[in-house]
Amino acid sequence: MKAFTIAVAGKGGVGKTTVAALLIEVLRSAGPVLAVDADPNCNLGEALGLRAERTIGQLRDEILEKISELPPGVPKDHLLELGLHQCLVEDEGVDLLVMGHGEGPRCYCMVNHVLRRVIEALRQNYRYVVLDNEAGMEHLSRRTTQDVDVLLIVAEPRPVSLRSAGRIRDIAEELKLRIARTFLVLNRVEGALPKEVAEQVQALGLPLLGMIPEDPAVGELWAQGRALRELWPQAPARRAAQNLLEKILGKEG
């Protein structure tokens, strides 16, 4: 079974992680879902009420430190697979994998090559994968995840935020990532879009998938350090996330 993969990207502060977490919570009952926190800020676990004790970045560093001490013939795949499962945080319907810090000055080519194979094998155990990316798309640019079915670029309904969304779209195109479909998602929308914002969205050339309204309940949960799963089912933000998924997945949603 090939997991349906949704990547979420956006400039810092636009609510990208909130959108990713809302999608994951809606998909939880239809899962299993693999949630991948590929943003160095590592806030997705907090939004899901999950805590990772170990990250992929730490695993990579440990493997590089031990690699010269390994006896000849010890398969790196098995070592990484064991470490990867130790990084996995399991919950009902959702498992979390945190990528952690980026690459340092050492050469990570061999480790990343093996890691790609191990993660691709891991993905076969899930129906959905949701990636919370940083704006620079570093995780995807390293090809740690090979294919993305849908890229959602999150922006606020403001000119500066929309320009950033356009730059992220350009980065994805320049990197020649294997992305089947790309959409714009507007977050924290209050009422109807001003005419100038609607015109800028039109000029951006990114299909607008939908809008998530400003929802005070979401801000309260973040402020109190509580998981977004505590949102009531009819909360405006959760209903909007459900609508996004129905458009993405069609009948499956």
Protein backbone atom coordinates (compact mmCIF):
# COMPACT_ATOMS: atom_id res chain seq x y z
CA MET A 1 0.00 0.00 0.00
CA LYS A 2 1.45 3.36 -1.04
CA ALA A 3 0.84 6.05 1.57
CA PHE A 4 -0.88 9.21 0.37
CA THR A 5 1.57 11.98 1.27
CA ILE A 6 0.63 15.58 2.10
CA ALA A 7 3.43 18.10 2.68
CA VAL A 8 2.68 21.40 4.43
CA ALA A 9 5.00 24.39 4.01
CA GLY A 10 4.88 28.10 4.79
CA LYS A 11 6.80 31.04 6.17
CA GLY A 12 7.32 31.01 9.93
CA GLY A 13 4.41 32.39 11.91
CA VAL A 14 1.62 31.71 9.40
CA GLY A 15 0.25 28.73 11.33
CA LYS A 16 1.78 26.02 9.13
CA THR A 17 2.19 23.57 12.02
CA THR A 18 -1.37 24.26 13.17
CA VAL A 19 -2.68 23.39 9.71
CA ALA A 20 -0.59 20.20 9.60
CA ALA A 21 -1.83 19.15 13.05
CA LEU A 22 -5.48 19.85 12.15
CA LEU A 23 -5.16 17.66 9.04
CA ILE A 24 -3.54 14.88 11.08
CA GLU A 25 -6.27 14.98 13.71
CA VAL A 26 -8.98 14.72 11.05
CA LEU A 27 -7.15 11.81 9.39
CA ARG A 28 -6.50 10.03 12.70
CA SER A 29 -9.72 8.00 12.59
CA ALA A 30 -9.06 6.96 8.97
CA GLY A 31 -5.37 6.23 9.54
CA PRO A 32 -2.88 5.00 10.37
CA VAL A 33 -1.08 8.32 9.84
CA LEU A 34 2.66 8.96 9.94
CA ALA A 35 3.23 12.53 11.10
CA VAL A 36 6.72 13.80 10.17
CA ASP A 37 8.00 16.95 11.85
CA ALA A 38 10.60 18.22 9.37
CA ASP A 39 10.74 21.75 10.79
CA PRO A 40 13.80 22.37 13.03
CA ASN A 41 11.50 24.21 15.45
CA CYS A 42 9.86 20.83 16.22
CA ASN A 43 6.43 22.04 17.33
CA LEU A 44 4.27 19.39 15.66
CA GLY A 45 4.58 16.99 18.58
CA GLU A 46 3.30 19.64 20.98
CA ALA A 47 0.30 20.28 18.74
CA LEU A 48 -0.45 16.54 18.70
CA GLY A 49 0.19 16.00 22.39
CA LEU A 50 3.17 13.72 21.65
CA ARG A 51 6.78 13.98 22.78
CA ALA A 52 9.77 12.56 20.89
CA GLU A 53 12.74 11.57 23.02
CA ARG A 54 14.98 11.05 20.00
CA THR A 55 15.18 12.68 16.56
CA ILE A 56 16.44 11.55 13.15
CA GLY A 57 19.12 14.25 13.35
CA GLN A 58 20.46 12.70 16.56
CA LEU A 59 20.30 9.22 15.01
CA ARG A 60 22.30 10.40 11.98
CA ASP A 61 25.00 11.86 14.20
CA GLU A 62 25.19 8.70 16.30
CA ILE A 63 25.56 6.49 13.22
CA LEU A 64 28.35 8.68 11.82
CA GLU A 65 30.21 8.54 15.14
CA LYS A 66 29.93 4.74 15.35
CA ILE A 67 30.43 3.86 11.70
CA SER A 68 34.22 3.54 11.92
CA GLU A 69 33.88 1.21 14.92
CA LEU A 70 31.45 -1.20 13.25
CA PRO A 71 32.86 -4.62 12.31
CA PRO A 72 33.05 -5.30 8.55
CA GLY A 73 29.85 -6.73 7.12
CA VAL A 74 27.49 -5.14 9.66
CA PRO A 75 24.57 -3.87 7.49
CA LYS A 76 23.95 -0.14 7.99
CA ASP A 77 20.30 -0.65 6.98
CA HIS A 78 19.59 -2.81 10.01
CA LEU A 79 21.31 -0.37 12.35
CA LEU A 80 19.33 2.58 10.95
CA GLU A 81 16.07 0.65 10.93
CA LEU A 82 16.49 -0.19 14.60
CA GLY A 83 17.32 3.43 15.42
CA LEU A 84 14.42 4.71 13.34
CA HIS A 85 11.91 2.65 15.27
CA GLN A 86 13.39 4.01 18.50
CA CYS A 87 12.70 7.53 17.16
CA LEU A 88 9.07 6.70 16.41
CA VAL A 89 6.45 7.93 18.90
CA GLU A 90 3.35 5.76 18.69
CA ASP A 91 -0.20 6.85 19.48
CA GLU A 92 -3.71 5.75 18.56
CA GLY A 93 -4.06 6.22 14.80
CA VAL A 94 -0.96 8.45 14.56
CA ASP A 95 2.78 7.89 14.86
CA LEU A 96 5.24 10.79 15.05
CA LEU A 97 8.73 11.01 13.57
CA VAL A 98 10.81 14.13 14.31
CA MET A 99 13.60 14.98 11.88
CA GLY A 100 15.34 17.40 14.26
CA HIS A 101 18.36 19.53 13.38
CA GLY A 102 19.80 19.81 9.89
CA GLU A 103 23.10 18.53 8.64
CA GLY A 104 26.40 19.72 10.10
CA PRO A 105 29.81 20.03 8.41
CA ARG A 106 30.34 16.27 8.07
CA CYS A 107 29.33 14.23 5.01
CA TYR A 108 25.86 12.75 5.47
CA CYS A 109 25.53 11.32 1.94
CA MET A 110 25.82 7.64 2.85
CA VAL A 111 23.60 7.91 5.92
CA ASN A 112 20.93 9.87 4.04
CA HIS A 113 21.00 7.33 1.20
CA VAL A 114 20.33 4.46 3.61
CA LEU A 115 17.85 6.54 5.59
CA ARG A 116 15.80 7.17 2.44
CA ARG A 117 15.41 3.45 1.87
CA VAL A 118 14.47 2.79 5.49
CA ILE A 119 11.89 5.61 5.62
CA GLU A 120 10.36 4.51 2.31
CA ALA A 121 9.97 1.00 3.77
CA LEU A 122 8.44 2.46 6.94
CA ARG A 123 5.91 4.49 4.92
CA GLN A 124 4.38 1.30 3.55
CA ASN A 125 2.83 0.70 6.99
CA TYR A 126 0.67 3.84 6.79
CA ARG A 127 -2.32 5.01 4.83
CA TYR A 128 -1.36 8.69 5.08
CA VAL A 129 1.82 10.65 5.66
CA VAL A 130 1.68 14.33 6.67
CA LEU A 131 4.95 16.30 6.55
CA ASP A 132 5.35 19.58 8.43
CA ASN A 133 8.17 21.27 6.46
CA GLU A 134 10.18 24.39 6.99
CA ALA A 135 9.83 27.17 4.41
CA GLY A 136 13.13 26.27 2.76
CA MET A 137 11.90 22.75 2.02
CA GLU A 138 15.21 21.37 3.37
CA HIS A 139 13.78 17.97 4.23
CA LEU A 140 12.27 17.49 0.78
CA SER A 141 15.36 18.90 -0.96
CA ARG A 142 17.46 16.13 0.62
CA ARG A 143 15.00 13.68 -0.98
CA THR A 144 14.58 11.90 2.36
CA THR A 145 10.96 11.55 1.27
CA GLN A 146 10.74 10.67 -2.40
CA ASP A 147 7.23 11.55 -3.56
CA VAL A 148 4.59 14.04 -2.43
CA ASP A 149 0.99 13.74 -3.63
CA VAL A 150 -0.06 17.21 -2.44
CA LEU A 151 1.96 20.24 -1.31
CA LEU A 152 -0.05 22.77 0.71
CA ILE A 153 1.56 26.20 0.98
CA VAL A 154 0.07 28.05 3.94
CA ALA A 155 -0.17 31.85 4.00
CA GLU A 156 -2.08 34.54 5.84
CA PRO A 157 -4.36 36.84 3.79
CA ARG A 158 -1.74 39.58 3.65
CA PRO A 159 0.44 40.72 0.71
CA VAL A 160 3.79 39.97 2.38
CA SER A 161 2.65 36.46 3.35
CA LEU A 162 1.34 35.76 -0.15
CA ARG A 163 4.64 36.85 -1.68
CA SER A 164 6.41 34.37 0.63
CA ALA A 165 4.03 31.64 -0.56
CA GLY A 166 5.06 32.41 -4.13
CA ARG A 167 8.74 32.09 -3.22
CA ILE A 168 8.16 28.70 -1.59
CA ARG A 169 6.39 27.53 -4.74
CA ASP A 170 9.41 28.72 -6.74
CA ILE A 171 11.82 26.84 -4.44
CA ALA A 172 9.87 23.62 -4.94
CA GLU A 173 9.99 24.08 -8.72
CA GLU A 174 13.71 24.92 -8.73
CA LEU A 175 14.50 21.80 -6.70
CA LYS A 176 12.52 19.72 -9.22
CA LEU A 177 10.78 17.88 -6.39
CA ARG A 178 8.36 15.12 -7.30
CA ILE A 179 5.14 16.85 -6.25
CA ALA A 180 1.90 15.84 -7.99
CA ARG A 181 -0.25 18.84 -6.99
CA THR A 182 0.39 22.16 -5.23
CA PHE A 183 -2.25 24.34 -3.55
CA LEU A 184 -2.47 27.53 -1.52
CA VAL A 185 -4.23 27.48 1.87
CA LEU A 186 -5.12 30.75 3.57
CA ASN A 187 -5.00 30.62 7.37
CA ARG A 188 -6.47 32.92 10.05
CA VAL A 189 -9.02 34.39 7.69
CA GLU A 190 -11.49 36.84 9.20
CA GLY A 191 -14.58 37.36 7.07
CA ALA A 192 -14.45 37.97 3.32
CA LEU A 193 -11.11 38.56 1.61
CA PRO A 194 -10.36 42.23 0.84
CA LYS A 195 -10.44 42.94 -2.88
CA GLU A 196 -6.70 43.61 -3.12
CA VAL A 197 -5.89 40.32 -1.36
CA ALA A 198 -8.25 38.37 -3.62
CA GLU A 199 -6.57 39.94 -6.65
CA GLN A 200 -3.11 39.03 -5.35
CA VAL A 201 -4.22 35.44 -4.78
CA GLN A 202 -5.47 35.36 -8.37
CA ALA A 203 -2.20 36.78 -9.69
CA LEU A 204 -0.11 34.35 -7.66
CA GLY A 205 -1.06 31.48 -9.95
CA LEU A 206 -1.45 29.02 -7.06
CA PRO A 207 -4.83 27.26 -6.92
CA LEU A 208 -6.59 28.25 -3.69
CA LEU A 209 -7.69 25.02 -2.03
CA GLY A 210 -9.50 26.67 0.87
CA MET A 211 -9.39 28.95 3.88
CA ILE A 212 -9.14 28.28 7.60
CA PRO A 213 -10.89 30.91 9.71
CA GLU A 214 -9.46 32.65 12.73
CA ASP A 215 -10.45 30.33 15.60
CA PRO A 216 -9.83 31.62 19.16
CA ALA A 217 -10.03 28.06 20.51
CA VAL A 218 -6.88 27.13 18.57
CA GLY A 219 -4.92 30.02 20.08
CA GLU A 220 -6.12 29.10 23.57
CA LEU A 221 -4.93 25.51 23.23
CA TRP A 222 -1.50 26.61 21.96
CA ALA A 223 -1.19 29.13 24.81
CA GLN A 224 -1.99 26.45 27.38
CA GLY A 225 0.28 23.83 25.81
CA ARG A 226 -2.63 21.53 25.06
CA ALA A 227 -3.10 19.28 22.02
CA LEU A 228 -5.32 20.33 19.13
CA ARG A 229 -7.20 17.06 19.41
CA GLU A 230 -9.10 18.78 22.22
CA LEU A 231 -10.89 20.98 19.70
CA TRP A 232 -14.57 20.08 19.58
CA PRO A 233 -15.60 18.40 16.27
CA GLN A 234 -17.59 21.41 15.06
CA ALA A 235 -14.84 23.96 15.80
CA PRO A 236 -14.46 26.25 12.76
CA ALA A 237 -10.77 25.42 12.23
CA ARG A 238 -11.36 21.67 12.42
CA ARG A 239 -14.32 21.82 10.04
CA ALA A 240 -12.22 23.83 7.58
CA ALA A 241 -9.46 21.19 7.76
CA GLN A 242 -12.05 18.52 7.05
CA ASN A 243 -13.20 20.47 3.98
CA LEU A 244 -9.61 20.70 2.73
CA LEU A 245 -9.16 16.97 3.01
CA GLU A 246 -12.44 16.26 1.25
CA LYS A 247 -11.23 18.33 -1.70
CA ILE A 248 -7.82 16.64 -1.71
CA LEU A 249 -9.01 13.09 -1.30
CA GLY A 250 -12.37 13.24 -3.06
CA LYS A 251 -14.60 10.31 -2.20
CA GLU A 252 -11.92 8.83 0.05
CA GLY A 253 -12.18 11.89 2.31
